[in-house]
């Protein structure tokens, strides 16, 4: 049996973030995950600006951006009847906070799936460890 200060159940974005933050505070933790590999189904589709700011501090934002859709692709959502069908409507996302023409953060809002981030193979020092 292993002793730890904190047991984190789930190696998703929240669990791994918690492990990173606890480690920076000098607290030991163990992350347990029920899956032995990458889940093939998309989930956790977006990385908001505050989360991207944290990832920037942890030096993993470049890898997350590389696994994300290009920023211009995220500026609007287009709704169609089918993939190549008639357009029903568009929604401008306006996800990057801007006041008086100035972006409020150097970190972007990103659109990516958790499975793509997992596939990108973030280095172990980023907090992505298999247990």
N, C-alpha and C. Protein backbone atom coordinates (compact mmCIF):
# COMPACT_ATOMS: atom_id res chain seq x y z
N UNK A 1 0.85 -1.18 0.00
CA UNK A 1 0.00 0.00 0.00
C UNK A 1 0.89 1.24 0.00
N UNK A 2 0.44 2.26 -0.71
CA UNK A 2 1.19 3.51 -0.80
C UNK A 2 0.48 4.60 -0.01
N UNK A 3 1.24 5.35 0.76
CA UNK A 3 0.68 6.49 1.49
C UNK A 3 0.81 7.75 0.66
N UNK A 4 -0.19 8.61 0.74
CA UNK A 4 -0.15 9.88 0.03
C UNK A 4 -1.00 10.89 0.79
N UNK A 5 -0.71 12.14 0.58
CA UNK A 5 -1.51 13.19 1.19
C UNK A 5 -2.85 13.32 0.49
N UNK A 6 -2.82 13.21 -0.87
CA UNK A 6 -4.05 13.38 -1.66
C UNK A 6 -4.13 12.28 -2.70
N UNK A 7 -5.29 11.66 -2.79
CA UNK A 7 -5.58 10.69 -3.83
C UNK A 7 -6.49 11.39 -4.84
N UNK A 8 -6.07 11.43 -6.10
CA UNK A 8 -6.86 12.07 -7.16
C UNK A 8 -7.40 10.96 -8.05
N UNK A 9 -8.71 10.91 -8.18
CA UNK A 9 -9.36 9.89 -8.98
C UNK A 9 -9.72 10.50 -10.33
N UNK A 10 -9.05 10.01 -11.38
CA UNK A 10 -9.30 10.49 -12.73
C UNK A 10 -8.14 11.30 -13.26
N UNK A 11 -7.60 10.87 -14.41
CA UNK A 11 -6.46 11.55 -15.02
C UNK A 11 -6.90 12.42 -16.19
N UNK A 12 -8.09 13.00 -16.06
CA UNK A 12 -8.56 13.96 -17.05
C UNK A 12 -7.95 15.33 -16.79
N UNK A 13 -8.43 16.34 -17.47
CA UNK A 13 -7.87 17.69 -17.30
C UNK A 13 -7.91 18.19 -15.86
N UNK A 14 -9.02 17.96 -15.16
CA UNK A 14 -9.13 18.43 -13.78
C UNK A 14 -8.18 17.67 -12.85
N UNK A 15 -8.13 16.35 -13.00
CA UNK A 15 -7.26 15.55 -12.13
C UNK A 15 -5.79 15.87 -12.33
N UNK A 16 -5.36 15.97 -13.59
CA UNK A 16 -3.95 16.28 -13.85
C UNK A 16 -3.60 17.70 -13.43
N UNK A 17 -4.54 18.63 -13.60
CA UNK A 17 -4.31 20.00 -13.14
C UNK A 17 -4.14 20.04 -11.64
N UNK A 18 -4.99 19.29 -10.95
CA UNK A 18 -4.88 19.22 -9.49
C UNK A 18 -3.52 18.66 -9.08
N UNK A 19 -3.04 17.63 -9.75
CA UNK A 19 -1.74 17.05 -9.42
C UNK A 19 -0.62 18.07 -9.62
N UNK A 20 -0.68 18.82 -10.71
CA UNK A 20 0.33 19.85 -10.96
C UNK A 20 0.30 20.90 -9.86
N UNK A 21 -0.89 21.41 -9.55
CA UNK A 21 -1.00 22.46 -8.53
C UNK A 21 -0.55 21.98 -7.15
N UNK A 22 -0.94 20.77 -6.77
CA UNK A 22 -0.51 20.23 -5.48
C UNK A 22 1.01 20.06 -5.44
N UNK A 23 1.59 19.57 -6.54
CA UNK A 23 3.03 19.41 -6.60
C UNK A 23 3.76 20.74 -6.44
N UNK A 24 3.22 21.79 -7.05
CA UNK A 24 3.83 23.12 -6.92
C UNK A 24 3.74 23.65 -5.49
N UNK A 25 2.75 23.14 -4.73
CA UNK A 25 2.61 23.53 -3.33
C UNK A 25 3.39 22.61 -2.41
N UNK A 26 4.08 21.62 -2.98
CA UNK A 26 4.89 20.71 -2.19
C UNK A 26 4.10 19.56 -1.57
N UNK A 27 2.89 19.33 -2.04
CA UNK A 27 2.07 18.24 -1.51
C UNK A 27 2.14 17.04 -2.45
N UNK A 28 2.30 15.87 -1.88
CA UNK A 28 2.35 14.67 -2.72
C UNK A 28 0.94 14.22 -3.05
N UNK A 29 0.82 13.61 -4.21
CA UNK A 29 -0.48 13.08 -4.62
C UNK A 29 -0.25 11.87 -5.51
N UNK A 30 -1.27 11.06 -5.61
CA UNK A 30 -1.28 9.93 -6.53
C UNK A 30 -2.52 10.09 -7.39
N UNK A 31 -2.34 9.97 -8.70
CA UNK A 31 -3.46 10.03 -9.63
C UNK A 31 -3.76 8.61 -10.09
N UNK A 32 -5.01 8.19 -9.96
CA UNK A 32 -5.42 6.89 -10.46
C UNK A 32 -6.42 7.09 -11.59
N UNK A 33 -6.30 6.25 -12.61
CA UNK A 33 -7.16 6.34 -13.79
C UNK A 33 -7.62 4.94 -14.12
N UNK A 34 -8.91 4.78 -14.40
CA UNK A 34 -9.45 3.45 -14.67
C UNK A 34 -9.06 2.93 -16.05
N UNK A 35 -8.75 3.81 -16.98
CA UNK A 35 -8.39 3.36 -18.33
C UNK A 35 -6.87 3.19 -18.43
N UNK A 36 -6.47 2.20 -19.19
CA UNK A 36 -5.03 1.98 -19.38
C UNK A 36 -4.50 2.72 -20.60
N UNK A 37 -5.41 3.27 -21.41
CA UNK A 37 -5.00 3.99 -22.62
C UNK A 37 -5.91 5.18 -22.87
N UNK A 38 -5.77 5.74 -24.05
CA UNK A 38 -6.53 6.93 -24.43
C UNK A 38 -7.95 6.52 -24.81
N UNK A 39 -8.92 7.24 -24.28
CA UNK A 39 -10.31 7.02 -24.65
C UNK A 39 -10.50 7.55 -26.08
N UNK A 40 -11.03 6.76 -26.99
CA UNK A 40 -11.14 7.19 -28.39
C UNK A 40 -12.26 8.19 -28.66
N UNK A 41 -13.08 8.47 -27.67
CA UNK A 41 -14.23 9.36 -27.88
C UNK A 41 -13.91 10.79 -27.49
N UNK A 42 -14.28 11.77 -28.33
CA UNK A 42 -14.02 13.18 -28.00
C UNK A 42 -14.77 13.61 -26.74
N UNK A 43 -14.14 14.44 -25.94
CA UNK A 43 -14.77 15.05 -24.77
C UNK A 43 -13.95 16.27 -24.39
N UNK A 44 -14.46 17.09 -23.51
CA UNK A 44 -13.77 18.32 -23.10
C UNK A 44 -13.32 19.12 -24.32
N UNK A 45 -14.27 19.65 -25.06
CA UNK A 45 -14.00 20.26 -26.37
C UNK A 45 -13.25 21.59 -26.33
N UNK A 46 -13.33 22.35 -25.27
CA UNK A 46 -12.69 23.66 -25.32
C UNK A 46 -11.77 23.89 -24.12
N UNK A 47 -10.81 24.75 -24.35
CA UNK A 47 -9.90 25.19 -23.29
C UNK A 47 -10.14 26.70 -23.16
N UNK A 48 -10.76 27.10 -22.03
CA UNK A 48 -11.06 28.52 -21.88
C UNK A 48 -9.80 29.33 -21.59
N UNK A 49 -9.91 30.64 -21.64
CA UNK A 49 -8.75 31.52 -21.52
C UNK A 49 -8.04 31.32 -20.18
N UNK A 50 -8.79 31.23 -19.08
CA UNK A 50 -8.14 31.07 -17.78
C UNK A 50 -7.37 29.74 -17.70
N UNK A 51 -7.95 28.68 -18.24
CA UNK A 51 -7.25 27.40 -18.27
C UNK A 51 -6.00 27.50 -19.13
N UNK A 52 -6.09 28.18 -20.26
CA UNK A 52 -4.92 28.36 -21.12
C UNK A 52 -3.84 29.18 -20.40
N UNK A 53 -4.25 30.14 -19.59
CA UNK A 53 -3.26 30.90 -18.81
C UNK A 53 -2.50 29.98 -17.85
N UNK A 54 -3.22 29.07 -17.21
CA UNK A 54 -2.56 28.10 -16.31
C UNK A 54 -1.63 27.19 -17.09
N UNK A 55 -2.09 26.71 -18.24
CA UNK A 55 -1.24 25.84 -19.07
C UNK A 55 0.00 26.59 -19.55
N UNK A 56 -0.13 27.86 -19.78
CA UNK A 56 1.02 28.70 -20.16
C UNK A 56 2.03 28.74 -19.02
N UNK A 57 1.54 28.90 -17.79
CA UNK A 57 2.43 28.90 -16.62
C UNK A 57 3.14 27.56 -16.46
N UNK A 58 2.46 26.48 -16.83
CA UNK A 58 3.03 25.13 -16.68
C UNK A 58 3.88 24.72 -17.87
N UNK A 59 4.05 25.63 -18.83
CA UNK A 59 4.87 25.39 -20.03
C UNK A 59 4.35 24.24 -20.90
N UNK A 60 3.03 24.08 -20.98
CA UNK A 60 2.47 23.06 -21.87
C UNK A 60 1.52 23.67 -22.91
N UNK A 61 1.36 25.00 -22.90
CA UNK A 61 0.39 25.63 -23.81
C UNK A 61 0.76 25.42 -25.27
N UNK A 62 2.04 25.45 -25.61
CA UNK A 62 2.43 25.25 -27.01
C UNK A 62 1.96 23.88 -27.53
N UNK A 63 2.09 22.84 -26.69
CA UNK A 63 1.64 21.51 -27.09
C UNK A 63 0.12 21.45 -27.22
N UNK A 64 -0.58 22.15 -26.33
CA UNK A 64 -2.04 22.18 -26.39
C UNK A 64 -2.49 22.92 -27.65
N UNK A 65 -1.85 24.04 -27.96
CA UNK A 65 -2.19 24.79 -29.17
C UNK A 65 -1.94 23.94 -30.42
N UNK A 66 -0.86 23.17 -30.42
CA UNK A 66 -0.54 22.33 -31.58
C UNK A 66 -1.61 21.27 -31.82
N UNK A 67 -2.28 20.82 -30.76
CA UNK A 67 -3.32 19.81 -30.88
C UNK A 67 -4.70 20.43 -31.12
N UNK A 68 -4.78 21.75 -31.13
CA UNK A 68 -6.06 22.46 -31.26
C UNK A 68 -6.33 22.86 -32.71
N UNK A 69 -7.59 23.21 -32.96
CA UNK A 69 -7.94 23.76 -34.26
C UNK A 69 -7.25 25.11 -34.44
N UNK A 70 -6.91 25.49 -35.68
CA UNK A 70 -6.33 26.82 -35.90
C UNK A 70 -7.27 27.91 -35.37
N UNK A 71 -6.71 28.94 -34.75
CA UNK A 71 -7.53 29.98 -34.12
C UNK A 71 -8.58 30.58 -35.06
N UNK A 72 -8.27 30.87 -36.34
CA UNK A 72 -9.32 31.43 -37.20
C UNK A 72 -10.53 30.51 -37.37
N UNK A 73 -10.33 29.21 -37.23
CA UNK A 73 -11.44 28.26 -37.36
C UNK A 73 -12.40 28.34 -36.19
N UNK A 74 -11.99 28.96 -35.09
CA UNK A 74 -12.82 28.99 -33.89
C UNK A 74 -13.57 30.30 -33.73
N UNK A 75 -13.47 31.18 -34.71
CA UNK A 75 -14.10 32.51 -34.58
C UNK A 75 -15.60 32.48 -34.77
N UNK A 76 -16.12 31.41 -35.33
CA UNK A 76 -17.56 31.29 -35.50
C UNK A 76 -17.94 29.82 -35.65
N UNK A 77 -19.17 29.53 -35.30
CA UNK A 77 -19.73 28.21 -35.51
C UNK A 77 -20.74 28.32 -36.64
N UNK A 78 -20.68 27.39 -37.57
CA UNK A 78 -21.61 27.36 -38.69
C UNK A 78 -22.48 26.12 -38.53
N UNK A 79 -23.78 26.32 -38.58
CA UNK A 79 -24.74 25.23 -38.45
C UNK A 79 -25.35 24.94 -39.81
N UNK A 80 -25.29 23.66 -40.22
CA UNK A 80 -25.80 23.23 -41.52
C UNK A 80 -26.71 22.02 -41.34
N UNK A 81 -27.56 21.80 -42.35
CA UNK A 81 -28.44 20.63 -42.32
C UNK A 81 -27.63 19.34 -42.35
N UNK A 82 -26.59 19.30 -43.18
CA UNK A 82 -25.65 18.19 -43.25
C UNK A 82 -24.27 18.79 -43.42
N UNK A 83 -23.25 17.95 -43.44
CA UNK A 83 -21.89 18.45 -43.56
C UNK A 83 -21.70 19.35 -44.78
N UNK A 84 -22.29 18.99 -45.90
CA UNK A 84 -22.17 19.81 -47.12
C UNK A 84 -23.51 20.44 -47.50
N UNK A 85 -24.44 20.45 -46.55
CA UNK A 85 -25.79 20.92 -46.85
C UNK A 85 -25.99 22.41 -46.66
N UNK A 86 -27.23 22.80 -46.72
CA UNK A 86 -27.65 24.18 -46.60
C UNK A 86 -27.30 24.75 -45.23
N UNK A 87 -26.76 25.95 -45.22
CA UNK A 87 -26.42 26.61 -43.97
C UNK A 87 -27.69 27.09 -43.27
N UNK A 88 -27.78 26.79 -41.98
CA UNK A 88 -28.93 27.20 -41.17
C UNK A 88 -28.63 28.52 -40.48
N UNK A 89 -27.39 28.68 -40.01
CA UNK A 89 -27.03 29.91 -39.31
C UNK A 89 -25.58 29.89 -38.87
N UNK A 90 -25.12 31.06 -38.38
CA UNK A 90 -23.76 31.23 -37.87
C UNK A 90 -23.80 31.95 -36.54
N UNK A 91 -22.86 31.61 -35.68
CA UNK A 91 -22.73 32.30 -34.40
C UNK A 91 -21.27 32.73 -34.27
N UNK A 92 -21.04 34.02 -34.07
CA UNK A 92 -19.70 34.53 -33.82
C UNK A 92 -19.37 34.20 -32.36
N UNK A 93 -18.22 33.56 -32.15
CA UNK A 93 -17.91 33.10 -30.80
C UNK A 93 -17.48 34.22 -29.87
N UNK A 94 -16.64 35.14 -30.33
CA UNK A 94 -16.19 36.23 -29.47
C UNK A 94 -15.60 35.72 -28.18
N UNK A 95 -14.81 34.66 -28.26
CA UNK A 95 -14.32 34.01 -27.05
C UNK A 95 -13.08 34.66 -26.44
N UNK A 96 -12.34 35.42 -27.23
CA UNK A 96 -11.15 36.07 -26.68
C UNK A 96 -11.60 37.39 -26.05
N UNK A 97 -11.46 37.55 -24.73
CA UNK A 97 -11.92 38.78 -24.09
C UNK A 97 -11.15 39.99 -24.59
N UNK A 98 -11.88 40.97 -25.11
CA UNK A 98 -11.28 42.19 -25.64
C UNK A 98 -12.05 43.38 -25.08
N UNK A 99 -11.32 44.36 -24.54
CA UNK A 99 -11.93 45.59 -24.06
C UNK A 99 -11.21 46.75 -24.75
N UNK A 100 -11.98 47.61 -25.38
CA UNK A 100 -11.43 48.76 -26.11
C UNK A 100 -10.34 48.34 -27.09
N UNK A 101 -10.55 47.20 -27.76
CA UNK A 101 -9.62 46.73 -28.77
C UNK A 101 -8.37 46.05 -28.23
N UNK A 102 -8.28 45.85 -26.92
CA UNK A 102 -7.10 45.23 -26.31
C UNK A 102 -7.48 43.86 -25.75
N UNK A 103 -6.74 42.81 -26.17
CA UNK A 103 -6.96 41.49 -25.60
C UNK A 103 -6.55 41.49 -24.14
N UNK A 104 -7.38 40.89 -23.31
CA UNK A 104 -7.15 40.90 -21.86
C UNK A 104 -6.18 39.83 -21.38
N UNK A 105 -5.81 38.92 -22.26
CA UNK A 105 -4.90 37.85 -21.86
C UNK A 105 -3.99 37.48 -23.03
N UNK A 106 -2.75 37.12 -22.74
CA UNK A 106 -1.88 36.64 -23.81
C UNK A 106 -2.22 35.20 -24.22
N UNK A 107 -3.06 34.54 -23.43
CA UNK A 107 -3.43 33.16 -23.71
C UNK A 107 -4.74 33.13 -24.52
N UNK A 108 -4.82 32.24 -25.50
CA UNK A 108 -6.02 32.17 -26.33
C UNK A 108 -7.06 31.21 -25.78
N UNK A 109 -8.31 31.37 -26.25
CA UNK A 109 -9.32 30.35 -26.08
C UNK A 109 -9.06 29.33 -27.17
N UNK A 110 -9.10 28.05 -26.84
CA UNK A 110 -8.77 27.01 -27.81
C UNK A 110 -9.92 26.03 -27.95
N UNK A 111 -10.02 25.46 -29.13
CA UNK A 111 -11.02 24.43 -29.39
C UNK A 111 -10.28 23.16 -29.79
N UNK A 112 -10.33 22.19 -28.91
CA UNK A 112 -9.70 20.90 -29.15
C UNK A 112 -10.43 19.86 -28.32
N UNK A 113 -10.22 18.62 -28.62
CA UNK A 113 -10.82 17.54 -27.84
C UNK A 113 -9.78 16.94 -26.92
N UNK A 114 -10.23 16.49 -25.77
CA UNK A 114 -9.33 15.87 -24.81
C UNK A 114 -8.57 14.71 -25.42
N UNK A 115 -9.22 13.92 -26.29
CA UNK A 115 -8.54 12.79 -26.89
C UNK A 115 -7.38 13.25 -27.79
N UNK A 116 -7.50 14.42 -28.43
CA UNK A 116 -6.40 14.95 -29.25
C UNK A 116 -5.24 15.41 -28.37
N UNK A 117 -5.56 15.99 -27.23
CA UNK A 117 -4.50 16.41 -26.31
C UNK A 117 -3.76 15.18 -25.79
N UNK A 118 -4.51 14.15 -25.44
CA UNK A 118 -3.88 12.92 -24.96
C UNK A 118 -3.01 12.30 -26.05
N UNK A 119 -3.49 12.31 -27.29
CA UNK A 119 -2.72 11.75 -28.41
C UNK A 119 -1.47 12.55 -28.71
N UNK A 120 -1.45 13.84 -28.35
CA UNK A 120 -0.30 14.68 -28.67
C UNK A 120 0.94 14.26 -27.91
N UNK A 121 0.76 13.44 -26.89
CA UNK A 121 1.91 12.89 -26.17
C UNK A 121 2.65 13.93 -25.36
N UNK A 122 1.93 14.67 -24.51
CA UNK A 122 2.60 15.64 -23.66
C UNK A 122 3.67 14.95 -22.85
N UNK A 123 4.79 15.61 -22.65
CA UNK A 123 5.89 14.98 -21.92
C UNK A 123 5.52 14.69 -20.48
N UNK A 124 6.15 13.67 -19.86
CA UNK A 124 5.83 13.31 -18.48
C UNK A 124 5.97 14.47 -17.51
N UNK A 125 6.90 15.39 -17.73
CA UNK A 125 7.08 16.48 -16.80
C UNK A 125 5.90 17.44 -16.79
N UNK A 126 4.97 17.29 -17.77
CA UNK A 126 3.79 18.13 -17.79
C UNK A 126 2.73 17.63 -16.83
N UNK A 127 2.95 16.49 -16.20
CA UNK A 127 1.98 15.96 -15.26
C UNK A 127 1.18 14.81 -15.83
N UNK A 128 1.47 14.39 -17.07
CA UNK A 128 0.73 13.31 -17.71
C UNK A 128 1.47 12.01 -17.46
N UNK A 129 1.10 11.29 -16.44
CA UNK A 129 1.74 10.04 -16.09
C UNK A 129 0.72 8.91 -16.10
N UNK A 130 1.10 7.80 -16.62
CA UNK A 130 0.23 6.62 -16.58
C UNK A 130 0.44 5.91 -15.26
N UNK A 131 -0.64 5.57 -14.58
CA UNK A 131 -0.54 4.84 -13.32
C UNK A 131 -1.30 3.56 -13.42
